[in-house]
Amino acid sequence: MSTAEQWASAPHPMHVEDVADFLAACPPPVHTSDVEAWRRRVEAELGPGALPGLVELLEIGSPAEQDAAMTTARALGAEVWAVGAEPELQWRVTLPGGSPRTIHPRRHARPRQL
């Protein structure tokens, strides 16, 4: 069972592709005055049902998708922290009302040296 399946207890989980499409069309603003408007849009258009998909993106997404998923999950009340550094980076995730979990991303910005 994948991490996302374990956390799919949200009322109506969104499919990971729908969550990824939202993030591609509406990336999180960085240090702009648009942060509050973006946060309201995340809550209105995604809501808690997006959390399992966001967790899955932390595991399978590109580094850019992982960063967007982290920011979006935080906007929905999850605690998400990077642990370590590339290429050994892991995500420490606690969903609202849940227990902490560690996510091991499959994709890294800097691959491991063989």
Protein backbone atom coordinates (compact mmCIF):
# COMPACT_ATOMS: atom_id res chain seq x y z
CA MET A 1 0.00 0.00 0.00
CA SER A 2 1.42 3.38 -0.99
CA THR A 3 1.75 6.29 1.39
CA ALA A 4 -1.01 8.16 -0.42
CA GLU A 5 -3.36 5.17 -0.07
CA GLN A 6 -2.64 5.01 3.64
CA TRP A 7 -3.65 8.67 3.98
CA ALA A 8 -6.63 8.58 1.65
CA SER A 9 -8.97 9.00 4.59
CA ALA A 10 -9.91 12.53 3.51
CA PRO A 11 -13.64 12.93 2.80
CA HIS A 12 -13.32 12.87 -1.01
CA PRO A 13 -9.70 12.35 -2.08
CA MET A 14 -8.73 14.01 -5.34
CA HIS A 15 -6.79 12.10 -7.96
CA VAL A 16 -3.09 12.97 -7.98
CA GLU A 17 -3.26 14.09 -11.63
CA ASP A 18 -6.00 16.62 -10.80
CA VAL A 19 -3.87 17.98 -7.98
CA ALA A 20 -0.80 18.16 -10.24
CA ASP A 21 -2.83 19.95 -12.93
CA PHE A 22 -3.95 22.56 -10.38
CA LEU A 23 -0.37 23.12 -9.24
CA ALA A 24 0.83 23.53 -12.84
CA ALA A 25 -1.89 26.08 -13.61
CA CYS A 26 -1.75 27.85 -10.25
CA PRO A 27 1.79 27.65 -8.87
CA PRO A 28 2.38 28.95 -5.36
CA PRO A 29 3.57 32.56 -5.31
CA VAL A 30 6.93 33.24 -3.76
CA HIS A 31 7.34 36.43 -1.74
CA THR A 32 4.52 38.28 -3.49
CA SER A 33 1.39 40.06 -2.40
CA ASP A 34 -0.65 37.29 -4.09
CA VAL A 35 -0.04 34.75 -1.32
CA GLU A 36 -3.38 35.26 0.46
CA ALA A 37 -5.38 35.09 -2.79
CA TRP A 38 -3.54 31.89 -3.73
CA ARG A 39 -4.19 30.39 -0.28
CA ARG A 40 -7.93 31.13 -0.61
CA ARG A 41 -7.93 29.54 -4.07
CA VAL A 42 -6.21 26.41 -2.69
CA GLU A 43 -8.81 26.11 0.06
CA ALA A 44 -11.74 26.71 -2.32
CA GLU A 45 -10.62 24.64 -5.31
CA LEU A 46 -8.63 21.86 -3.65
CA GLY A 47 -9.50 21.60 0.02
CA PRO A 48 -8.51 18.73 2.32
CA GLY A 49 -9.38 16.13 -0.33
CA ALA A 50 -6.17 17.16 -2.12
CA LEU A 51 -3.89 16.12 0.74
CA PRO A 52 -3.46 12.46 -0.35
CA GLY A 53 -2.54 13.63 -3.87
CA LEU A 54 -0.12 16.21 -2.48
CA VAL A 55 1.55 13.52 -0.36
CA GLU A 56 1.80 11.31 -3.43
CA LEU A 57 3.45 14.16 -5.36
CA LEU A 58 6.04 14.44 -2.58
CA GLU A 59 6.88 10.83 -3.31
CA ILE A 60 6.65 10.63 -7.11
CA GLY A 61 6.77 14.22 -8.37
CA SER A 62 9.61 16.14 -9.92
CA PRO A 63 11.58 18.38 -7.53
CA ALA A 64 9.49 21.38 -8.69
CA GLU A 65 6.24 19.44 -8.10
CA GLN A 66 7.50 18.40 -4.67
CA ASP A 67 8.15 22.03 -3.71
CA ALA A 68 4.70 23.09 -4.92
CA ALA A 69 3.08 20.13 -3.11
CA MET A 70 4.89 21.06 0.11
CA THR A 71 3.68 24.67 -0.04
CA THR A 72 0.13 23.67 -0.95
CA ALA A 73 -0.09 21.01 1.77
CA ARG A 74 1.04 23.61 4.30
CA ALA A 75 -1.72 25.95 3.09
CA LEU A 76 -4.20 23.14 3.85
CA GLY A 77 -2.93 22.70 7.42
CA ALA A 78 -0.36 19.93 7.01
CA GLU A 79 3.10 20.15 8.51
CA VAL A 80 5.68 19.39 5.84
CA TRP A 81 9.43 19.67 6.37
CA ALA A 82 12.42 18.70 4.31
CA VAL A 83 14.80 16.47 6.23
CA GLY A 84 18.39 16.23 5.01
CA ALA A 85 19.69 17.48 1.71
CA GLU A 86 19.82 16.28 -1.87
CA PRO A 87 20.28 13.55 -2.90
CA GLU A 88 19.20 12.05 0.45
CA LEU A 89 16.30 14.47 1.02
CA GLN A 90 13.19 13.10 2.73
CA TRP A 91 9.90 14.75 3.60
CA ARG A 92 8.49 14.66 7.14
CA VAL A 93 4.71 15.02 6.84
CA THR A 94 1.98 15.29 9.46
CA LEU A 95 -1.53 15.67 8.09
CA PRO A 96 -4.14 17.41 10.27
CA GLY A 97 -5.10 14.98 13.01
CA GLY A 98 -2.56 12.41 11.80
CA SER A 99 0.75 10.97 12.90
CA PRO A 100 4.08 12.03 11.42
CA ARG A 101 5.30 10.05 8.40
CA THR A 102 8.48 10.11 6.39
CA ILE A 103 8.25 10.25 2.59
CA HIS A 104 11.19 9.09 0.50
CA PRO A 105 10.97 10.86 -2.87
CA ARG A 106 11.71 8.75 -5.91
CA ARG A 107 12.99 11.75 -7.87
CA HIS A 108 15.73 14.11 -6.75
CA ALA A 109 17.24 17.30 -8.13
CA ARG A 110 20.68 15.73 -7.76
CA PRO A 111 20.79 11.98 -8.33
CA ARG A 112 22.82 9.75 -6.06
CA GLN A 113 26.33 9.05 -7.22
CA LEU A 114 26.96 5.44 -8.19
